[in-house]
PDB file of N, CA and C in Angstrom:
ATOM      1  N   UNK A   1       1.877 -26.133 284.458  1.00  0.00           N
ATOM      2  CA  UNK A   1       1.264 -26.603 283.121  1.00  0.00           C
ATOM      3  C   UNK A   1       0.221 -25.332 282.552  1.00  0.00           C
ATOM      4  N   UNK A   2       0.682 -25.214 281.786  1.00  0.00           N
ATOM      5  CA  UNK A   2      -0.371 -23.959 280.877  1.00  0.00           C
ATOM      6  C   UNK A   2      -1.258 -24.897 279.906  1.00  0.00           C
ATOM      7  N   UNK A   3      -2.397 -24.226 279.987  1.00  0.00           N
ATOM      8  CA  UNK A   3      -3.577 -24.818 278.975  1.00  0.00           C
ATOM      9  C   UNK A   3      -3.461 -23.971 277.852  1.00  0.00           C
ATOM     10  N   UNK A   4      -2.703 -23.064 277.956  1.00  0.00           N
ATOM     11  CA  UNK A   4      -2.626 -22.368 276.406  1.00  0.00           C
ATOM     12  C   UNK A   4      -1.397 -23.119 275.308  1.00  0.00           C
ATOM     13  N   UNK A   5      -1.910 -23.328 274.227  1.00  0.00           N
ATOM     14  CA  UNK A   5      -1.020 -24.049 273.575  1.00  0.00           C
ATOM     15  C   UNK A   5      -0.016 -22.841 272.771  1.00  0.00           C
ATOM     16  N   UNK A   6       1.248 -23.000 272.327  1.00  0.00           N
ATOM     17  CA  UNK A   6       2.218 -22.444 272.062  1.00  0.00           C
ATOM     18  C   UNK A   6       1.817 -22.093 270.390  1.00  0.00           C
ATOM     19  N   UNK A   7       1.456 -21.083 270.272  1.00  0.00           N
ATOM     20  CA  UNK A   7       1.487 -21.033 268.660  1.00  0.00           C
ATOM     21  C   UNK A   7       2.445 -20.142 267.793  1.00  0.00           C
ATOM     22  N   UNK A   8       3.566 -19.846 268.808  1.00  0.00           N
ATOM     23  CA  UNK A   8       4.914 -19.102 268.142  1.00  0.00           C
ATOM     24  C   UNK A   8       5.275 -20.298 267.185  1.00  0.00           C
ATOM     25  N   UNK A   9       5.958 -19.437 265.841  1.00  0.00           N
ATOM     26  CA  UNK A   9       6.777 -20.057 264.955  1.00  0.00           C
ATOM     27  C   UNK A   9       7.902 -19.736 265.731  1.00  0.00           C
ATOM     28  N   UNK A  10       8.632 -18.911 266.591  1.00  0.00           N
ATOM     29  CA  UNK A  10       9.913 -18.999 266.878  1.00  0.00           C
ATOM     30  C   UNK A  10       9.638 -18.597 268.186  1.00  0.00           C
ATOM     31  N   UNK A  11      10.820 -18.657 269.097  1.00  0.00           N
ATOM     32  CA  UNK A  11      10.926 -18.459 270.686  1.00  0.00           C
ATOM     33  C   UNK A  11      10.766 -16.930 270.699  1.00  0.00           C
ATOM     34  N   UNK A  12      10.800 -16.261 271.932  1.00  0.00           N
ATOM     35  CA  UNK A  12      10.512 -14.894 272.095  1.00  0.00           C
ATOM     36  C   UNK A  12      11.276 -14.723 272.999  1.00  0.00           C
ATOM     37  N   UNK A  13      11.871 -13.518 273.230  1.00  0.00           N
ATOM     38  CA  UNK A  13      12.985 -12.817 273.815  1.00  0.00           C
ATOM     39  C   UNK A  13      12.289 -12.420 275.165  1.00  0.00           C
ATOM     40  N   UNK A  14      12.468 -12.532 276.578  1.00  0.00           N
ATOM     41  CA  UNK A  14      12.072 -12.049 277.701  1.00  0.00           C
ATOM     42  C   UNK A  14      12.771 -10.649 277.482  1.00  0.00           C
ATOM     43  N   UNK A  15      12.044  -9.533 277.604  1.00  0.00           N
ATOM     44  CA  UNK A  15      12.530  -8.250 277.793  1.00  0.00           C
ATOM     45  C   UNK A  15      11.611  -7.352 278.425  1.00  0.00           C
ATOM     46  N   UNK A  16      12.068  -6.665 279.291  1.00  0.00           N
ATOM     47  CA  UNK A  16      11.331  -5.778 280.216  1.00  0.00           C
ATOM     48  C   UNK A  16      11.355  -4.348 279.735  1.00  0.00           C
ATOM     49  N   UNK A  17      10.302  -3.552 279.569  1.00  0.00           N
ATOM     50  CA  UNK A  17      10.257  -2.124 279.312  1.00  0.00           C
ATOM     51  C   UNK A  17       9.071  -1.646 279.340  1.00  0.00           C
ATOM     52  N   UNK A  18       8.768  -0.211 278.402  1.00  0.00           N
ATOM     53  CA  UNK A  18       7.454   0.218 278.553  1.00  0.00           C
ATOM     54  C   UNK A  18       7.224   0.663 277.094  1.00  0.00           C
ATOM     55  N   UNK A  19       6.197   0.199 276.739  1.00  0.00           N
ATOM     56  CA  UNK A  19       5.595   0.781 275.193  1.00  0.00           C
ATOM     57  C   UNK A  19       4.125   1.348 275.603  1.00  0.00           C
ATOM     58  N   UNK A  20       3.719   1.944 274.503  1.00  0.00           N
ATOM     59  CA  UNK A  20       2.169   2.687 274.636  1.00  0.00           C
ATOM     60  C   UNK A  20       1.812   2.312 273.309  1.00  0.00           C
ATOM     61  N   UNK A  21       0.229   2.153 273.246  1.00  0.00           N
ATOM     62  CA  UNK A  21      -0.638   1.512 272.150  1.00  0.00           C
ATOM     63  C   UNK A  21      -1.836   2.286 272.179  1.00  0.00           C
ATOM     64  N   UNK A  22      -2.121   2.207 270.713  1.00  0.00           N
ATOM     65  CA  UNK A  22      -3.409   2.917 270.677  1.00  0.00           C
ATOM     66  C   UNK A  22      -4.153   2.172 269.418  1.00  0.00           C
ATOM     67  N   UNK A  23      -5.514   2.707 269.003  1.00  0.00           N
ATOM     68  CA  UNK A  23      -6.178   1.874 268.159  1.00  0.00           C
ATOM     69  C   UNK A  23      -5.977   3.034 266.963  1.00  0.00           C
ATOM     70  N   UNK A  24      -5.733   4.297 266.839  1.00  0.00           N
ATOM     71  CA  UNK A  24      -5.429   5.186 265.850  1.00  0.00           C
ATOM     72  C   UNK A  24      -4.169   5.928 265.906  1.00  0.00           C
ATOM     73  N   UNK A  25      -3.791   6.704 264.848  1.00  0.00           N
ATOM     74  CA  UNK A  25      -2.712   7.433 264.995  1.00  0.00           C
ATOM     75  C   UNK A  25      -2.895   8.712 265.547  1.00  0.00           C
ATOM     76  N   UNK A  26      -4.148   9.355 265.766  1.00  0.00           N
ATOM     77  CA  UNK A  26      -4.575  10.462 266.378  1.00  0.00           C
ATOM     78  C   UNK A  26      -5.400  10.162 267.876  1.00  0.00           C
ATOM     79  N   UNK A  27      -5.609   8.951 268.123  1.00  0.00           N
ATOM     80  CA  UNK A  27      -6.343   8.325 269.237  1.00  0.00           C
ATOM     81  C   UNK A  27      -5.744   8.618 270.289  1.00  0.00           C
ATOM     82  N   UNK A  28      -6.266   8.325 271.594  1.00  0.00           N
ATOM     83  CA  UNK A  28      -5.576   8.410 272.802  1.00  0.00           C
ATOM     84  C   UNK A  28      -4.644   6.924 272.821  1.00  0.00           C
ATOM     85  N   UNK A  29      -3.631   7.435 273.338  1.00  0.00           N
ATOM     86  CA  UNK A  29      -2.370   6.191 273.619  1.00  0.00           C
ATOM     87  C   UNK A  29      -2.515   5.656 275.079  1.00  0.00           C
ATOM     88  N   UNK A  30      -2.128   4.627 275.347  1.00  0.00           N
ATOM     89  CA  UNK A  30      -2.174   4.004 276.691  1.00  0.00           C
ATOM     90  C   UNK A  30      -0.850   3.430 276.886  1.00  0.00           C
ATOM     91  N   UNK A  31      -0.601   3.374 277.873  1.00  0.00           N
ATOM     92  CA  UNK A  31       0.946   2.820 278.408  1.00  0.00           C
ATOM     93  C   UNK A  31       0.857   1.328 278.849  1.00  0.00           C
ATOM     94  N   UNK A  32       1.931   0.764 278.572  1.00  0.00           N
ATOM     95  CA  UNK A  32       1.839  -0.580 278.652  1.00  0.00           C
ATOM     96  C   UNK A  32       3.215  -1.292 279.226  1.00  0.00           C
ATOM     97  N   UNK A  33       3.317  -2.537 279.937  1.00  0.00           N
ATOM     98  CA  UNK A  33       4.536  -3.150 280.150  1.00  0.00           C
ATOM     99  C   UNK A  33       5.071  -4.216 279.113  1.00  0.00           C
ATOM    100  N   UNK A  34       6.041  -4.065 278.594  1.00  0.00           N
ATOM    101  CA  UNK A  34       6.801  -5.184 277.522  1.00  0.00           C
ATOM    102  C   UNK A  34       6.955  -6.348 278.413  1.00  0.00           C
ATOM    103  N   UNK A  35       6.258  -7.412 277.835  1.00  0.00           N
ATOM    104  CA  UNK A  35       6.929  -8.779 278.495  1.00  0.00           C
ATOM    105  C   UNK A  35       8.030  -9.527 277.521  1.00  0.00           C
ATOM    106  N   UNK A  36       7.608  -9.732 276.192  1.00  0.00           N
ATOM    107  CA  UNK A  36       8.363 -10.390 275.457  1.00  0.00           C
ATOM    108  C   UNK A  36       8.246  -9.953 273.841  1.00  0.00           C
ATOM    109  N   UNK A  37       9.417 -10.197 273.030  1.00  0.00           N
ATOM    110  CA  UNK A  37       8.945 -10.234 271.693  1.00  0.00           C
ATOM    111  C   UNK A  37       9.794 -10.812 270.989  1.00  0.00           C
ATOM    112  N   UNK A  38       9.364 -10.919 269.597  1.00  0.00           N
ATOM    113  CA  UNK A  38      10.228 -11.614 268.557  1.00  0.00           C
ATOM    114  C   UNK A  38       9.885 -10.952 266.947  1.00  0.00           C
ATOM    115  N   UNK A  39      10.492 -11.577 266.088  1.00  0.00           N
ATOM    116  CA  UNK A  39      10.162 -11.089 264.427  1.00  0.00           C
ATOM    117  C   UNK A  39       8.653 -11.330 264.463  1.00  0.00           C
ATOM    118  N   UNK A  40       7.871 -12.114 264.952  1.00  0.00           N
ATOM    119  CA  UNK A  40       6.467 -11.931 264.571  1.00  0.00           C
ATOM    120  C   UNK A  40       5.572 -11.370 265.577  1.00  0.00           C
ATOM    121  N   UNK A  41       5.850 -11.006 266.845  1.00  0.00           N
ATOM    122  CA  UNK A  41       4.796 -10.336 267.603  1.00  0.00           C
ATOM    123  C   UNK A  41       5.556  -9.988 268.837  1.00  0.00           C
ATOM    124  N   UNK A  42       4.723  -9.602 269.796  1.00  0.00           N
ATOM    125  CA  UNK A  42       4.788  -8.962 271.059  1.00  0.00           C
ATOM    126  C   UNK A  42       4.037  -9.540 272.243  1.00  0.00           C
ATOM    127  N   UNK A  43       4.481  -9.247 273.472  1.00  0.00           N
ATOM    128  CA  UNK A  43       3.519  -9.795 274.439  1.00  0.00           C
ATOM    129  C   UNK A  43       3.657  -8.464 275.115  1.00  0.00           C
ATOM    130  N   UNK A  44       2.676  -8.035 275.839  1.00  0.00           N
ATOM    131  CA  UNK A  44       2.465  -6.851 277.165  1.00  0.00           C
ATOM    132  C   UNK A  44       1.162  -7.026 277.771  1.00  0.00           C
ATOM    133  N   UNK A  45       1.614  -6.361 278.981  1.00  0.00           N
ATOM    134  CA  UNK A  45       0.453  -6.394 279.914  1.00  0.00           C
ATOM    135  C   UNK A  45      -0.288  -4.871 279.963  1.00  0.00           C
ATOM    136  N   UNK A  46      -1.756  -5.045 279.810  1.00  0.00           N
ATOM    137  CA  UNK A  46      -2.425  -3.994 279.480  1.00  0.00           C
ATOM    138  C   UNK A  46      -3.316  -3.606 280.641  1.00  0.00           C
ATOM    139  N   UNK A  47      -4.055  -2.486 281.013  1.00  0.00           N
ATOM    140  CA  UNK A  47      -4.953  -2.221 281.790  1.00  0.00           C
ATOM    141  C   UNK A  47      -6.331  -2.769 281.676  1.00  0.00           C
ATOM    142  N   UNK A  48      -6.561  -3.197 280.094  1.00  0.00           N
ATOM    143  CA  UNK A  48      -7.563  -3.586 279.927  1.00  0.00           C
ATOM    144  C   UNK A  48      -7.350  -4.617 278.455  1.00  0.00           C
ATOM    145  N   UNK A  49      -8.439  -5.284 278.230  1.00  0.00           N
ATOM    146  CA  UNK A  49      -8.419  -6.510 277.224  1.00  0.00           C
ATOM    147  C   UNK A  49      -8.797  -5.832 275.762  1.00  0.00           C
ATOM    148  N   UNK A  50      -8.359  -6.816 274.986  1.00  0.00           N
ATOM    149  CA  UNK A  50      -8.817  -6.245 273.912  1.00  0.00           C
ATOM    150  C   UNK A  50      -9.382  -7.504 273.145  1.00  0.00           C
ATOM    151  N   UNK A  51     -10.226  -7.354 272.336  1.00  0.00           N
ATOM    152  CA  UNK A  51     -10.702  -8.728 271.151  1.00  0.00           C
ATOM    153  C   UNK A  51      -9.972  -9.435 270.132  1.00  0.00           C
ATOM    154  N   UNK A  52      -9.745 -10.735 270.396  1.00  0.00           N
ATOM    155  CA  UNK A  52      -8.934 -11.206 269.207  1.00  0.00           C
ATOM    156  C   UNK A  52      -9.229 -10.440 267.546  1.00  0.00           C
ATOM    157  N   UNK A  53      -8.124 -10.036 267.254  1.00  0.00           N
ATOM    158  CA  UNK A  53      -8.428  -9.318 265.643  1.00  0.00           C
ATOM    159  C   UNK A  53      -8.564  -8.115 265.779  1.00  0.00           C
ATOM    160  N   UNK A  54      -8.342  -7.230 267.198  1.00  0.00           N
ATOM    161  CA  UNK A  54      -8.169  -5.944 266.970  1.00  0.00           C
ATOM    162  C   UNK A  54      -6.715  -5.326 266.410  1.00  0.00           C
ATOM    163  N   UNK A  55      -6.757  -4.475 265.506  1.00  0.00           N
ATOM    164  CA  UNK A  55      -5.649  -3.641 265.063  1.00  0.00           C
ATOM    165  C   UNK A  55      -5.366  -2.606 266.279  1.00  0.00           C
ATOM    166  N   UNK A  56      -4.091  -2.784 266.462  1.00  0.00           N
ATOM    167  CA  UNK A  56      -3.573  -1.705 267.334  1.00  0.00           C
ATOM    168  C   UNK A  56      -2.148  -1.140 266.688  1.00  0.00           C
ATOM    169  N   UNK A  57      -1.834  -0.001 267.095  1.00  0.00           N
ATOM    170  CA  UNK A  57      -0.576   0.773 267.063  1.00  0.00           C
ATOM    171  C   UNK A  57       0.490   0.674 268.381  1.00  0.00           C
ATOM    172  N   UNK A  58       1.618   0.229 268.095  1.00  0.00           N
ATOM    173  CA  UNK A  58       2.726  -0.054 268.905  1.00  0.00           C
ATOM    174  C   UNK A  58       3.579   0.882 269.074  1.00  0.00           C
ATOM    175  N   UNK A  59       4.180   1.213 270.026  1.00  0.00           N
ATOM    176  CA  UNK A  59       5.466   2.275 270.079  1.00  0.00           C
ATOM    177  C   UNK A  59       6.377   2.475 271.045  1.00  0.00           C
ATOM    178  N   UNK A  60       7.387   2.092 270.931  1.00  0.00           N
ATOM    179  CA  UNK A  60       8.663   1.945 272.314  1.00  0.00           C
ATOM    180  C   UNK A  60       8.516   3.251 273.077  1.00  0.00           C
ATOM    181  N   UNK A  61       8.553   3.311 274.142  1.00  0.00           N
ATOM    182  CA  UNK A  61       8.590   4.553 274.870  1.00  0.00           C
ATOM    183  C   UNK A  61      10.148   4.904 274.989  1.00  0.00           C
ATOM    184  N   UNK A  62      11.158   4.217 274.688  1.00  0.00           N
ATOM    185  CA  UNK A  62      12.463   4.133 274.792  1.00  0.00           C
ATOM    186  C   UNK A  62      13.163   4.800 273.104  1.00  0.00           C
ATOM    187  N   UNK A  63      12.402   4.524 272.312  1.00  0.00           N
ATOM    188  CA  UNK A  63      12.533   4.744 270.832  1.00  0.00           C
ATOM    189  C   UNK A  63      12.672   6.336 270.522  1.00  0.00           C
ATOM    190  N   UNK A  64      13.528   7.032 270.330  1.00  0.00           N
ATOM    191  CA  UNK A  64      13.445   8.498 269.788  1.00  0.00           C
ATOM    192  C   UNK A  64      13.112   8.843 268.407  1.00  0.00           C
ATOM    193  N   UNK A  65      13.555   7.846 267.610  1.00  0.00           N
ATOM    194  CA  UNK A  65      12.721   8.036 266.261  1.00  0.00           C
ATOM    195  C   UNK A  65      11.138   7.905 266.136  1.00  0.00           C
ATOM    196  N   UNK A  66      10.413   7.441 266.880  1.00  0.00           N
ATOM    197  CA  UNK A  66       9.029   7.510 267.332  1.00  0.00           C
ATOM    198  C   UNK A  66       8.607   6.533 265.980  1.00  0.00           C
ATOM    199  N   UNK A  67       9.093   5.257 265.927  1.00  0.00           N
ATOM    200  CA  UNK A  67       8.775   4.237 265.134  1.00  0.00           C
ATOM    201  C   UNK A  67       7.600   3.747 265.504  1.00  0.00           C
ATOM    202  N   UNK A  68       6.151   3.469 264.836  1.00  0.00           N
ATOM    203  CA  UNK A  68       5.070   2.953 265.113  1.00  0.00           C
ATOM    204  C   UNK A  68       5.029   1.758 264.291  1.00  0.00           C
ATOM    205  N   UNK A  69       4.496   0.612 265.058  1.00  0.00           N
ATOM    206  CA  UNK A  69       4.651  -0.682 264.438  1.00  0.00           C
ATOM    207  C   UNK A  69       3.238  -1.223 264.729  1.00  0.00           C
ATOM    208  N   UNK A  70       2.512  -1.780 263.369  1.00  0.00           N
ATOM    209  CA  UNK A  70       1.118  -2.076 263.363  1.00  0.00           C
ATOM    210  C   UNK A  70       1.240  -3.770 263.777  1.00  0.00           C
ATOM    211  N   UNK A  71      -0.004  -3.639 264.585  1.00  0.00           N
ATOM    212  CA  UNK A  71      -0.161  -5.475 264.831  1.00  0.00           C
ATOM    213  C   UNK A  71      -1.636  -5.653 265.369  1.00  0.00           C
ATOM    214  N   UNK A  72      -1.770  -6.835 265.211  1.00  0.00           N
ATOM    215  CA  UNK A  72      -3.328  -7.510 265.527  1.00  0.00           C
ATOM    216  C   UNK A  72      -3.238  -8.261 266.745  1.00  0.00           C
ATOM    217  N   UNK A  73      -3.950  -8.348 267.844  1.00  0.00           N
ATOM    218  CA  UNK A  73      -4.221  -8.829 268.725  1.00  0.00           C
ATOM    219  C   UNK A  73      -4.745 -10.550 268.444  1.00  0.00           C
ATOM    220  N   UNK A  74      -3.604 -10.984 268.919  1.00  0.00           N
ATOM    221  CA  UNK A  74      -4.010 -12.619 268.665  1.00  0.00           C
ATOM    222  C   UNK A  74      -4.737 -13.310 269.943  1.00  0.00           C
ATOM    223  N   UNK A  75      -4.347 -12.782 271.072  1.00  0.00           N
ATOM    224  CA  UNK A  75      -5.337 -13.197 272.345  1.00  0.00           C
ATOM    225  C   UNK A  75      -5.165 -12.162 273.217  1.00  0.00           C
ATOM    226  N   UNK A  76      -6.182 -12.558 274.417  1.00  0.00           N
ATOM    227  CA  UNK A  76      -6.029 -11.324 275.659  1.00  0.00           C
ATOM    228  C   UNK A  76      -6.499 -12.268 276.796  1.00  0.00           C
ATOM    229  N   UNK A  77      -6.107 -12.215 277.814  1.00  0.00           N
ATOM    230  CA  UNK A  77      -6.534 -12.766 278.903  1.00  0.00           C
ATOM    231  C   UNK A  77      -5.918 -12.526 280.109  1.00  0.00           C
ATOM    232  N   UNK A  78      -6.779 -12.195 281.393  1.00  0.00           N
ATOM    233  CA  UNK A  78      -6.092 -11.881 282.766  1.00  0.00           C
ATOM    234  C   UNK A  78      -4.701 -12.100 282.990  1.00  0.00           C
ATOM    235  N   UNK A  79      -4.328 -11.295 283.476  1.00  0.00           N
ATOM    236  CA  UNK A  79      -2.654 -11.671 283.950  1.00  0.00           C
ATOM    237  C   UNK A  79      -2.807 -12.429 285.565  1.00  0.00           C
ATOM    238  N   UNK A  80      -1.847 -12.766 285.840  1.00  0.00           N
ATOM    239  CA  UNK A  80      -1.717 -13.622 286.855  1.00  0.00           C
ATOM    240  C   UNK A  80      -2.039 -12.798 288.193  1.00  0.00           C
ATOM    241  N   UNK A  81      -1.643 -11.893 287.995  1.00  0.00           N
ATOM    242  CA  UNK A  81      -1.879 -10.733 289.283  1.00  0.00           C
ATOM    243  C   UNK A  81      -3.040  -9.929 289.119  1.00  0.00           C
ATOM    244  N   UNK A  82      -4.045 -10.425 288.371  1.00  0.00           N
ATOM    245  CA  UNK A  82      -5.358  -9.643 287.909  1.00  0.00           C
ATOM    246  C   UNK A  82      -6.002  -9.373 289.240  1.00  0.00           C
ATOM    247  N   UNK A  83      -6.496  -7.929 289.519  1.00  0.00           N
ATOM    248  CA  UNK A  83      -6.839  -7.691 291.062  1.00  0.00           C
ATOM    249  C   UNK A  83      -8.159  -7.169 290.165  1.00  0.00           C
ATOM    250  N   UNK A  84      -9.639  -7.197 290.882  1.00  0.00           N
ATOM    251  CA  UNK A  84     -10.791  -6.064 290.468  1.00  0.00           C
ATOM    252  C   UNK A  84     -10.486  -4.578 290.404  1.00  0.00           C
ATOM    253  N   UNK A  85      -9.744  -3.971 291.432  1.00  0.00           N
ATOM    254  CA  UNK A  85      -9.768  -2.389 291.410  1.00  0.00           C
ATOM    255  C   UNK A  85      -8.008  -2.374 290.996  1.00  0.00           C
ATOM    256  N   UNK A  86      -7.399  -3.116 290.298  1.00  0.00           N
ATOM    257  CA  UNK A  86      -6.148  -2.861 289.240  1.00  0.00           C
ATOM    258  C   UNK A  86      -6.275  -4.094 288.407  1.00  0.00           C
ATOM    259  N   UNK A  87      -7.141  -3.741 287.517  1.00  0.00           N
ATOM    260  CA  UNK A  87      -7.101  -5.258 286.424  1.00  0.00           C
ATOM    261  C   UNK A  87      -6.043  -5.094 285.272  1.00  0.00           C
ATOM    262  N   UNK A  88      -5.295  -6.169 285.170  1.00  0.00           N
ATOM    263  CA  UNK A  88      -4.333  -6.394 284.102  1.00  0.00           C
ATOM    264  C   UNK A  88      -4.496  -7.517 283.270  1.00  0.00           C
ATOM    265  N   UNK A  89      -4.444  -7.192 282.361  1.00  0.00           N
ATOM    266  CA  UNK A  89      -4.459  -8.190 280.941  1.00  0.00           C
ATOM    267  C   UNK A  89      -2.979  -8.082 280.281  1.00  0.00           C
ATOM    268  N   UNK A  90      -2.856  -9.914 280.190  1.00  0.00           N
ATOM    269  CA  UNK A  90      -1.830 -10.356 279.004  1.00  0.00           C
ATOM    270  C   UNK A  90      -2.463 -10.210 278.001  1.00  0.00           C
ATOM    271  N   UNK A  91      -1.623  -9.456 276.801  1.00  0.00           N
ATOM    272  CA  UNK A  91      -2.034  -9.467 275.281  1.00  0.00           C
ATOM    273  C   UNK A  91      -0.772  -9.854 274.498  1.00  0.00           C
ATOM    274  N   UNK A  92      -1.354 -10.591 273.737  1.00  0.00           N
ATOM    275  CA  UNK A  92      -0.340 -11.279 272.535  1.00  0.00           C
ATOM    276  C   UNK A  92      -0.723 -10.412 271.243  1.00  0.00           C
ATOM    277  N   UNK A  93       0.226 -10.108 270.279  1.00  0.00           N
ATOM    278  CA  UNK A  93      -0.126  -9.510 269.118  1.00  0.00           C
ATOM    279  C   UNK A  93       1.047  -9.892 268.148  1.00  0.00           C
ATOM    280  N   UNK A  94       0.479  -9.745 266.877  1.00  0.00           N
ATOM    281  CA  UNK A  94       1.196 -10.333 265.925  1.00  0.00           C
ATOM    282  C   UNK A  94       1.394  -9.061 264.474  1.00  0.00           C
ATOM    283  N   UNK A  95       2.622  -9.078 264.573  1.00  0.00           N
ATOM    284  CA  UNK A  95       3.002  -7.766 263.672  1.00  0.00           C
ATOM    285  C   UNK A  95       2.493  -7.944 262.180  1.00  0.00           C
ATOM    286  N   UNK A  96       2.352  -6.892 261.880  1.00  0.00           N
ATOM    287  CA  UNK A  96       1.881  -6.615 260.389  1.00  0.00           C
ATOM    288  C   UNK A  96       3.337  -6.878 259.335  1.00  0.00           C
ATOM    289  N   UNK A  97       3.154  -7.645 258.500  1.00  0.00           N
ATOM    290  CA  UNK A  97       4.361  -7.805 257.787  1.00  0.00           C
ATOM    291  C   UNK A  97       4.537  -6.736 256.432  1.00  0.00           C
TER     292      UNK A  97
END
């Protein structure tokens, strides 16, 4: 049983893939594992956490058009396979409309 309340307005599709994210267009980008997505937002695994409200830019690594999607971090918590030497965090982000 999860202690986290589901705040999604619609269900997400589980999808595996790779994305990159950054804080700014010209800033350093980081690779992440895509976990799920819907029209409202995205869930991914990151090597480090972000604070709620942080604005990020997301880009699919499989997208040849290089479309960048703006999003705001809704939550961040350690992933179930978190290890001190290889930290991993689950991040939930809402897309900007």
